[in-house]
Amino acid sequence: LIAHGYKIKNIYSVDLISNSTWIQLGDMLDLKFQTDFFDAVLLGWVLAYSDNKQQAANEIIRVCKPGAVIAIGVEYNKLSSSELVGKLGYLPGSQERIYKTSEIHSYFNGHIDQVYFNHDVYQDSGVSKGSIVTIFSIKK
């Protein structure tokens, strides 16, 4: 964002664990920002790790101004949760997996104004893993 001209004083980052001074410690289920604070929110491959995606979406809606743009990316993997644990030794993300942008949209039900971009991995394409991305604005 800085490379594209955004001022660092206007960029906020939140994570559960971090050693970076640029990242505030926090939880997407209980953000410490006032209502209608953000013009844009980027969730880069984090929503899939939440055990309460609906609460995370509600909190994101709360901290966004009307018309704010939200961009969300998650990893797609066609393997089942048990297959992933067998292969990796752990489950990346929560048990509730996301397979399509429509599933992401369902958490923001009634609050999506305009969808600008969707990228789904089509399960019939033979692709075993990839990225699912959606960008939309919200209404309140």
N, C-alpha and C. Protein backbone atom coordinates (compact mmCIF):
# COMPACT_ATOMS: atom_id res chain seq x y z
N LEU A 1 0.82 -1.20 0.00
CA LEU A 1 0.00 0.00 0.00
C LEU A 1 0.86 1.26 0.00
N ILE A 2 1.95 1.21 0.75
CA ILE A 2 2.86 2.36 0.80
C ILE A 2 3.45 2.61 -0.59
N ALA A 3 3.80 1.53 -1.29
CA ALA A 3 4.37 1.66 -2.63
C ALA A 3 3.38 2.27 -3.61
N HIS A 4 2.11 2.22 -3.30
CA HIS A 4 1.08 2.80 -4.17
C HIS A 4 0.64 4.18 -3.70
N GLY A 5 1.37 4.77 -2.77
CA GLY A 5 1.12 6.14 -2.38
C GLY A 5 0.29 6.36 -1.13
N TYR A 6 -0.12 5.28 -0.48
CA TYR A 6 -0.88 5.45 0.76
C TYR A 6 0.06 5.85 1.89
N LYS A 7 -0.41 6.75 2.73
CA LYS A 7 0.40 7.21 3.85
C LYS A 7 0.33 6.18 4.97
N ILE A 8 1.47 5.87 5.54
CA ILE A 8 1.54 4.85 6.57
C ILE A 8 0.65 5.18 7.77
N LYS A 9 0.45 6.47 8.04
CA LYS A 9 -0.40 6.84 9.18
C LYS A 9 -1.86 6.45 8.97
N ASN A 10 -2.23 6.14 7.72
CA ASN A 10 -3.60 5.75 7.40
C ASN A 10 -3.78 4.24 7.21
N ILE A 11 -2.73 3.49 7.48
CA ILE A 11 -2.77 2.03 7.31
C ILE A 11 -2.70 1.37 8.67
N TYR A 12 -3.64 0.47 8.93
CA TYR A 12 -3.68 -0.27 10.19
C TYR A 12 -3.62 -1.76 9.88
N SER A 13 -2.83 -2.48 10.63
CA SER A 13 -2.73 -3.93 10.48
C SER A 13 -3.00 -4.57 11.84
N VAL A 14 -3.73 -5.68 11.81
CA VAL A 14 -4.09 -6.37 13.04
C VAL A 14 -3.81 -7.85 12.87
N ASP A 15 -3.20 -8.46 13.88
CA ASP A 15 -2.98 -9.90 13.88
C ASP A 15 -2.95 -10.40 15.32
N LEU A 16 -3.24 -11.67 15.50
CA LEU A 16 -3.21 -12.26 16.84
C LEU A 16 -1.81 -12.29 17.43
N ILE A 17 -0.82 -12.53 16.56
CA ILE A 17 0.57 -12.65 17.00
C ILE A 17 1.44 -11.87 16.02
N SER A 18 2.35 -11.06 16.54
CA SER A 18 3.27 -10.34 15.67
C SER A 18 4.42 -9.75 16.46
N ASN A 19 5.56 -9.68 15.83
CA ASN A 19 6.72 -8.99 16.39
C ASN A 19 6.95 -7.65 15.70
N SER A 20 6.13 -7.33 14.72
CA SER A 20 6.28 -6.10 13.95
C SER A 20 5.64 -4.92 14.68
N THR A 21 6.32 -3.80 14.67
CA THR A 21 5.76 -2.59 15.26
C THR A 21 4.67 -2.00 14.35
N TRP A 22 4.55 -2.47 13.12
CA TRP A 22 3.54 -1.99 12.19
C TRP A 22 2.21 -2.72 12.38
N ILE A 23 2.22 -3.79 13.17
CA ILE A 23 1.03 -4.61 13.33
C ILE A 23 0.55 -4.54 14.77
N GLN A 24 -0.71 -4.17 14.93
CA GLN A 24 -1.33 -4.13 16.26
C GLN A 24 -1.81 -5.53 16.62
N LEU A 25 -1.62 -5.90 17.87
CA LEU A 25 -2.16 -7.17 18.32
C LEU A 25 -3.66 -7.02 18.51
N GLY A 26 -4.41 -7.97 17.98
CA GLY A 26 -5.85 -7.89 18.10
C GLY A 26 -6.51 -9.09 17.46
N ASP A 27 -7.82 -9.12 17.54
CA ASP A 27 -8.62 -10.24 17.06
C ASP A 27 -9.70 -9.71 16.13
N MET A 28 -9.83 -10.31 14.96
CA MET A 28 -10.84 -9.83 14.01
C MET A 28 -12.26 -10.04 14.51
N LEU A 29 -12.43 -10.81 15.58
CA LEU A 29 -13.75 -11.00 16.16
C LEU A 29 -14.13 -9.88 17.13
N ASP A 30 -13.14 -9.05 17.49
CA ASP A 30 -13.37 -7.95 18.44
C ASP A 30 -12.36 -6.84 18.14
N LEU A 31 -12.58 -6.13 17.04
CA LEU A 31 -11.64 -5.09 16.61
C LEU A 31 -11.77 -3.85 17.49
N LYS A 32 -10.65 -3.28 17.84
CA LYS A 32 -10.61 -2.12 18.74
C LYS A 32 -10.64 -0.80 17.95
N PHE A 33 -11.54 -0.72 17.00
CA PHE A 33 -11.73 0.48 16.19
C PHE A 33 -13.18 0.92 16.32
N GLN A 34 -13.40 2.22 16.17
CA GLN A 34 -14.76 2.72 16.28
C GLN A 34 -15.59 2.29 15.07
N THR A 35 -16.88 2.33 15.23
CA THR A 35 -17.82 2.03 14.15
C THR A 35 -17.63 3.02 13.01
N ASP A 36 -17.75 2.55 11.78
CA ASP A 36 -17.62 3.38 10.58
C ASP A 36 -16.25 4.05 10.50
N PHE A 37 -15.20 3.32 10.74
CA PHE A 37 -13.84 3.86 10.78
C PHE A 37 -13.10 3.72 9.44
N PHE A 38 -13.26 2.58 8.77
CA PHE A 38 -12.43 2.27 7.60
C PHE A 38 -13.13 2.52 6.27
N ASP A 39 -12.33 2.98 5.30
CA ASP A 39 -12.79 3.11 3.91
C ASP A 39 -12.56 1.82 3.13
N ALA A 40 -11.61 1.01 3.58
CA ALA A 40 -11.27 -0.24 2.92
C ALA A 40 -10.69 -1.21 3.94
N VAL A 41 -10.98 -2.49 3.74
CA VAL A 41 -10.44 -3.55 4.59
C VAL A 41 -9.95 -4.67 3.70
N LEU A 42 -8.74 -5.13 3.96
CA LEU A 42 -8.16 -6.26 3.23
C LEU A 42 -7.98 -7.42 4.20
N LEU A 43 -8.54 -8.55 3.87
CA LEU A 43 -8.36 -9.76 4.67
C LEU A 43 -7.59 -10.75 3.81
N GLY A 44 -6.30 -10.76 3.97
CA GLY A 44 -5.43 -11.61 3.17
C GLY A 44 -5.23 -12.97 3.80
N TRP A 45 -6.03 -13.93 3.39
CA TRP A 45 -5.88 -15.33 3.76
C TRP A 45 -6.01 -15.52 5.27
N VAL A 46 -6.94 -14.78 5.90
CA VAL A 46 -7.17 -14.93 7.35
C VAL A 46 -8.57 -15.40 7.70
N LEU A 47 -9.57 -15.06 6.91
CA LEU A 47 -10.95 -15.43 7.25
C LEU A 47 -11.10 -16.94 7.40
N ALA A 48 -10.38 -17.69 6.61
CA ALA A 48 -10.48 -19.16 6.66
C ALA A 48 -10.00 -19.73 7.99
N TYR A 49 -9.24 -18.96 8.75
CA TYR A 49 -8.73 -19.44 10.03
C TYR A 49 -9.70 -19.18 11.19
N SER A 50 -10.74 -18.42 10.95
CA SER A 50 -11.67 -18.10 12.01
C SER A 50 -12.65 -19.25 12.24
N ASP A 51 -12.88 -19.55 13.51
CA ASP A 51 -13.90 -20.54 13.86
C ASP A 51 -15.28 -19.92 13.93
N ASN A 52 -15.34 -18.59 13.77
CA ASN A 52 -16.63 -17.90 13.77
C ASN A 52 -16.61 -16.85 12.66
N LYS A 53 -16.74 -17.32 11.44
CA LYS A 53 -16.66 -16.44 10.28
C LYS A 53 -17.78 -15.41 10.26
N GLN A 54 -18.95 -15.79 10.74
CA GLN A 54 -20.06 -14.84 10.77
C GLN A 54 -19.76 -13.68 11.72
N GLN A 55 -19.22 -13.97 12.89
CA GLN A 55 -18.86 -12.91 13.83
C GLN A 55 -17.77 -12.02 13.25
N ALA A 56 -16.81 -12.62 12.55
CA ALA A 56 -15.75 -11.83 11.91
C ALA A 56 -16.36 -10.89 10.86
N ALA A 57 -17.27 -11.40 10.05
CA ALA A 57 -17.92 -10.56 9.03
C ALA A 57 -18.71 -9.43 9.68
N ASN A 58 -19.45 -9.75 10.75
CA ASN A 58 -20.22 -8.71 11.44
C ASN A 58 -19.31 -7.62 11.99
N GLU A 59 -18.16 -8.00 12.50
CA GLU A 59 -17.21 -7.02 13.05
C GLU A 59 -16.60 -6.18 11.94
N ILE A 60 -16.33 -6.79 10.80
CA ILE A 60 -15.79 -6.05 9.66
C ILE A 60 -16.83 -5.04 9.16
N ILE A 61 -18.07 -5.47 9.06
CA ILE A 61 -19.14 -4.55 8.65
C ILE A 61 -19.21 -3.39 9.63
N ARG A 62 -19.13 -3.66 10.91
CA ARG A 62 -19.23 -2.61 11.94
C ARG A 62 -18.16 -1.55 11.76
N VAL A 63 -16.91 -1.95 11.53
CA VAL A 63 -15.82 -0.97 11.48
C VAL A 63 -15.69 -0.29 10.13
N CYS A 64 -16.45 -0.74 9.13
CA CYS A 64 -16.39 -0.12 7.80
C CYS A 64 -17.43 0.98 7.65
N LYS A 65 -17.03 2.02 6.95
CA LYS A 65 -17.96 3.08 6.58
C LYS A 65 -18.91 2.53 5.50
N PRO A 66 -20.10 3.10 5.37
CA PRO A 66 -20.95 2.72 4.23
C PRO A 66 -20.19 2.98 2.93
N GLY A 67 -20.24 2.03 2.03
CA GLY A 67 -19.52 2.14 0.76
C GLY A 67 -18.09 1.67 0.80
N ALA A 68 -17.61 1.27 1.97
CA ALA A 68 -16.24 0.78 2.08
C ALA A 68 -16.02 -0.42 1.18
N VAL A 69 -14.81 -0.58 0.72
CA VAL A 69 -14.44 -1.71 -0.13
C VAL A 69 -13.76 -2.76 0.73
N ILE A 70 -14.19 -3.99 0.55
CA ILE A 70 -13.63 -5.12 1.29
C ILE A 70 -13.06 -6.11 0.29
N ALA A 71 -11.82 -6.51 0.51
CA ALA A 71 -11.18 -7.52 -0.33
C ALA A 71 -10.79 -8.70 0.56
N ILE A 72 -11.21 -9.89 0.15
CA ILE A 72 -10.97 -11.08 0.94
C ILE A 72 -10.38 -12.16 0.05
N GLY A 73 -9.29 -12.75 0.51
CA GLY A 73 -8.70 -13.88 -0.17
C GLY A 73 -8.57 -15.06 0.78
N VAL A 74 -8.85 -16.25 0.29
CA VAL A 74 -8.67 -17.47 1.07
C VAL A 74 -8.06 -18.53 0.17
N GLU A 75 -7.40 -19.50 0.78
CA GLU A 75 -6.83 -20.60 0.02
C GLU A 75 -7.90 -21.65 -0.25
N TYR A 76 -7.88 -22.17 -1.46
CA TYR A 76 -8.75 -23.28 -1.83
C TYR A 76 -7.90 -24.53 -1.89
N ASN A 77 -8.40 -25.60 -1.31
CA ASN A 77 -7.76 -26.90 -1.43
C ASN A 77 -8.87 -27.93 -1.50
N LYS A 78 -8.84 -28.76 -2.53
CA LYS A 78 -9.93 -29.73 -2.71
C LYS A 78 -9.86 -30.89 -1.74
N LEU A 79 -8.74 -31.06 -1.05
CA LEU A 79 -8.63 -32.15 -0.08
C LEU A 79 -9.57 -31.90 1.10
N SER A 80 -10.08 -32.96 1.68
CA SER A 80 -10.91 -32.83 2.87
C SER A 80 -10.04 -32.44 4.06
N SER A 81 -10.68 -32.02 5.13
CA SER A 81 -9.94 -31.66 6.34
C SER A 81 -9.09 -32.82 6.83
N SER A 82 -9.66 -34.02 6.85
CA SER A 82 -8.90 -35.18 7.33
C SER A 82 -7.74 -35.52 6.39
N GLU A 83 -7.93 -35.35 5.08
CA GLU A 83 -6.84 -35.58 4.14
C GLU A 83 -5.71 -34.56 4.34
N LEU A 84 -6.09 -33.31 4.58
CA LEU A 84 -5.07 -32.28 4.83
C LEU A 84 -4.27 -32.58 6.10
N VAL A 85 -4.96 -33.00 7.16
CA VAL A 85 -4.26 -33.34 8.40
C VAL A 85 -3.33 -34.52 8.16
N GLY A 86 -3.78 -35.51 7.41
CA GLY A 86 -2.93 -36.66 7.09
C GLY A 86 -1.71 -36.28 6.28
N LYS A 87 -1.88 -35.33 5.37
CA LYS A 87 -0.78 -34.92 4.50
C LYS A 87 0.17 -33.94 5.19
N LEU A 88 -0.39 -32.95 5.91
CA LEU A 88 0.42 -31.88 6.49
C LEU A 88 0.74 -32.08 7.97
N GLY A 89 -0.09 -32.88 8.63
CA GLY A 89 0.08 -33.04 10.08
C GLY A 89 -0.72 -32.03 10.88
N TYR A 90 -1.41 -31.12 10.21
CA TYR A 90 -2.25 -30.12 10.87
C TYR A 90 -3.28 -29.63 9.85
N LEU A 91 -4.27 -28.93 10.33
CA LEU A 91 -5.30 -28.37 9.46
C LEU A 91 -5.09 -26.88 9.31
N PRO A 92 -4.69 -26.42 8.12
CA PRO A 92 -4.58 -24.97 7.92
C PRO A 92 -5.97 -24.37 7.80
N GLY A 93 -6.32 -23.55 8.75
CA GLY A 93 -7.66 -22.96 8.77
C GLY A 93 -8.54 -23.69 9.74
N SER A 94 -9.82 -23.36 9.70
CA SER A 94 -10.78 -23.97 10.62
C SER A 94 -11.44 -25.17 9.95
N GLN A 95 -12.23 -25.90 10.71
CA GLN A 95 -12.96 -27.04 10.17
C GLN A 95 -13.96 -26.60 9.11
N GLU A 96 -14.52 -25.41 9.28
CA GLU A 96 -15.48 -24.87 8.33
C GLU A 96 -14.72 -24.27 7.15
N ARG A 97 -14.57 -25.03 6.10
CA ARG A 97 -13.76 -24.63 4.95
C ARG A 97 -14.56 -23.75 3.99
N ILE A 98 -13.87 -22.93 3.23
CA ILE A 98 -14.49 -22.07 2.22
C ILE A 98 -14.07 -22.59 0.85
N TYR A 99 -15.05 -22.81 -0.03
CA TYR A 99 -14.77 -23.35 -1.36
C TYR A 99 -15.17 -22.42 -2.49
N LYS A 100 -15.96 -21.35 -2.19
CA LYS A 100 -16.45 -20.46 -3.25
C LYS A 100 -16.63 -19.04 -2.71
N THR A 101 -16.55 -18.07 -3.61
CA THR A 101 -16.79 -16.68 -3.21
C THR A 101 -18.21 -16.51 -2.69
N SER A 102 -19.15 -17.27 -3.19
CA SER A 102 -20.53 -17.16 -2.71
C SER A 102 -20.63 -17.49 -1.23
N GLU A 103 -19.78 -18.38 -0.74
CA GLU A 103 -19.76 -18.68 0.69
C GLU A 103 -19.26 -17.48 1.49
N ILE A 104 -18.25 -16.80 0.99
CA ILE A 104 -17.77 -15.58 1.64
C ILE A 104 -18.89 -14.54 1.66
N HIS A 105 -19.54 -14.36 0.51
CA HIS A 105 -20.63 -13.38 0.41
C HIS A 105 -21.74 -13.68 1.40
N SER A 106 -22.00 -14.95 1.66
CA SER A 106 -23.10 -15.31 2.56
C SER A 106 -22.90 -14.75 3.97
N TYR A 107 -21.66 -14.59 4.40
CA TYR A 107 -21.39 -14.01 5.72
C TYR A 107 -21.73 -12.52 5.78
N PHE A 108 -21.75 -11.87 4.62
CA PHE A 108 -22.04 -10.44 4.53
C PHE A 108 -23.45 -10.20 3.99
N ASN A 109 -24.28 -11.22 4.08
CA ASN A 109 -25.63 -11.22 3.54
C ASN A 109 -26.38 -9.92 3.87
N GLY A 110 -26.91 -9.31 2.83
CA GLY A 110 -27.66 -8.08 3.01
C GLY A 110 -26.81 -6.83 3.08
N HIS A 111 -25.50 -6.98 3.16
CA HIS A 111 -24.61 -5.82 3.28
C HIS A 111 -23.71 -5.63 2.06
N ILE A 112 -23.81 -6.49 1.08
CA ILE A 112 -23.00 -6.32 -0.13
C ILE A 112 -23.72 -5.38 -1.08
N ASP A 113 -23.04 -4.31 -1.45
CA ASP A 113 -23.60 -3.33 -2.37
C ASP A 113 -23.26 -3.72 -3.80
N GLN A 114 -21.97 -3.68 -4.12
CA GLN A 114 -21.53 -3.99 -5.47
C GLN A 114 -20.35 -4.94 -5.40
N VAL A 115 -20.38 -5.98 -6.21
CA VAL A 115 -19.25 -6.90 -6.31
C VAL A 115 -18.39 -6.44 -7.48
N TYR A 116 -17.11 -6.17 -7.19
CA TYR A 116 -16.19 -5.69 -8.22
C TYR A 116 -15.39 -6.82 -8.84
N PHE A 117 -15.15 -7.88 -8.08
CA PHE A 117 -14.28 -8.95 -8.57
C PHE A 117 -14.57 -10.23 -7.80
N ASN A 118 -14.65 -11.33 -8.52
CA ASN A 118 -14.74 -12.66 -7.93
C ASN A 118 -13.79 -13.58 -8.66
N HIS A 119 -13.08 -14.39 -7.92
CA HIS A 119 -12.25 -15.44 -8.52
C HIS A 119 -12.49 -16.72 -7.75
N ASP A 120 -13.10 -17.68 -8.41
CA ASP A 120 -13.33 -18.99 -7.82
C ASP A 120 -12.42 -20.00 -8.50
N VAL A 121 -12.09 -21.05 -7.77
CA VAL A 121 -11.41 -22.20 -8.35
C VAL A 121 -12.51 -23.20 -8.68
N TYR A 122 -12.67 -23.49 -9.95
CA TYR A 122 -13.74 -24.38 -10.34
C TYR A 122 -13.33 -25.82 -10.07
N GLN A 123 -14.10 -26.46 -9.22
CA GLN A 123 -13.74 -27.78 -8.72
C GLN A 123 -13.65 -28.82 -9.84
N ASP A 124 -14.36 -28.63 -10.94
CA ASP A 124 -14.31 -29.57 -12.05
C ASP A 124 -13.10 -29.36 -12.96
N SER A 125 -12.31 -28.33 -12.68
CA SER A 125 -11.19 -28.00 -13.56
C SER A 125 -9.98 -28.90 -13.34
N GLY A 126 -9.97 -29.67 -12.26
CA GLY A 126 -8.82 -30.52 -11.97
C GLY A 126 -7.77 -29.83 -11.12
N VAL A 127 -7.97 -28.55 -10.83
CA VAL A 127 -7.03 -27.82 -9.98
C VAL A 127 -7.21 -28.29 -8.55
N SER A 128 -6.12 -28.64 -7.88
CA SER A 128 -6.24 -29.17 -6.52
C SER A 128 -6.14 -28.09 -5.45
N LYS A 129 -5.47 -26.98 -5.77
CA LYS A 129 -5.42 -25.89 -4.81
C LYS A 129 -5.21 -24.58 -5.55
N GLY A 130 -5.58 -23.49 -4.87
CA GLY A 130 -5.46 -22.18 -5.48
C GLY A 130 -6.01 -21.13 -4.54
N SER A 131 -6.40 -20.01 -5.09
CA SER A 131 -6.90 -18.90 -4.28
C SER A 131 -8.31 -18.52 -4.71
N ILE A 132 -9.12 -18.18 -3.71
CA ILE A 132 -10.45 -17.65 -3.92
C ILE A 132 -10.38 -16.19 -3.46
N VAL A 133 -10.82 -15.27 -4.32
CA VAL A 133 -10.72 -13.84 -4.00
C VAL A 133 -12.01 -13.15 -4.39
N THR A 134 -12.45 -12.25 -3.53
CA THR A 134 -13.60 -11.41 -3.85
C THR A 134 -13.35 -9.99 -3.35
N ILE A 135 -13.84 -9.03 -4.11
CA ILE A 135 -13.76 -7.62 -3.73
C ILE A 135 -15.15 -7.03 -3.92
N PHE A 136 -15.64 -6.38 -2.88
CA PHE A 136 -16.99 -5.81 -2.94
C PHE A 136 -17.09 -4.60 -2.03
N SER A 137 -18.11 -3.81 -2.26
CA SER A 137 -18.41 -2.69 -1.34
C SER A 137 -19.60 -3.08 -0.49
N ILE A 138 -19.71 -2.40 0.64
CA ILE A 138 -20.80 -2.73 1.56
C ILE A 138 -21.80 -1.59 1.68
N LYS A 139 -22.99 -1.98 2.06
CA LYS A 139 -24.04 -1.01 2.39
C LYS A 139 -24.50 -1.31 3.81
N LYS A 140 -24.98 -0.28 4.46
CA LYS A 140 -25.46 -0.44 5.83
C LYS A 140 -26.87 0.07 5.95
